Amino acid sequence: MQYKDQIGNRVDLAAKPLRVISLVPSQSEFLWDLGLREELIGITKFCIHPDEMFRSISRIGGTKKLDLDKIRSLKPDLIIGNKEENQKEQIEILQKEFPVWMSDIYTFEDSFQMMENLGQILEKQKETQLILEKLKASLLKIKALFKDQEVAYFIWNKPYMCAAKDTFIDHVLSYLGLENALGEFTRYPELTEEDLRRINPEVCFLSSEPFPFKEEHIKELQRCLPEAKILIVDGEVFSWYGTRLLHLEKYVQGLPLRHSEH
């Protein structure tokens, strides 16, 4: 059987995969939620949800530093990765030895397509459709939830780095009705305090991952941006594009921001 992944590569499979390794936390959680308890044989050390999966399945390094020998020893018949989260050089090595299906996700539609494609490959179409129906219904409830607020979404400290245009996080912010204060930038720019003062965002989201922002970082940033509302937010609900998105509706409805008139 022949499939095409989200970066255009052809993936040839002789049969339904029975030994699957996932190189990305959000996709690992989705596979587990599909019921692939036996088939999922390898995950990364960052694949922490759900806890039962994290405790019970072999770990094959981090998303950027895969343990290639460990992967080889597990003899997978399918590896599932992501263009942004995994290192190109390591993926190219694995592609020479195993079928590798890569996602490339910037929007909710991309994530729905990833789920549908993997559901088909793994013969879990019915389970996938149930998840997608639930997910699409919950996302509809929070479309344009917020009104007229410019947000800077911080992912790193020293140097400050934010999620700008051309990222999945930017798509989530925009869907919620928020304007990305870094509209002039793309991807994940480094910003000086001078840059931040010039941009002067009304709201700053300090993400819980990949850098674990804490209360002390709010105080540091507040000195630079005394007028800004600064909140620590759950990075998983804003950046994980699998079944973790089911948590987004309840989470954002609890954020202390101006709501639009629905």
Foldseek 3Di string as FASTA:
>chain_A
DWDAAAVGDIFDAPAQWQAEEELDQLVVQQCVLLVSPRRYAEYACPNPPPVVCNVPHHHQYHQADGNVVVVVVSPGQEYEEEPVRYDPVVVVVVVVPHGYHYAYDQELVSLLVVLCRVCVSNVSNVSSVVLVVLLVVLLVVQFLFAEDFEEWEFADVPQTKTAEPPHNLCNVCVRNNYHHLRPVDHGIDGDDLVRCLVSQGQEYEYECPPPRDDPVVVVVVCVSRVNHHYYYAHNCCRHSNHSSVSVVNVRVVPDPHHTDDD
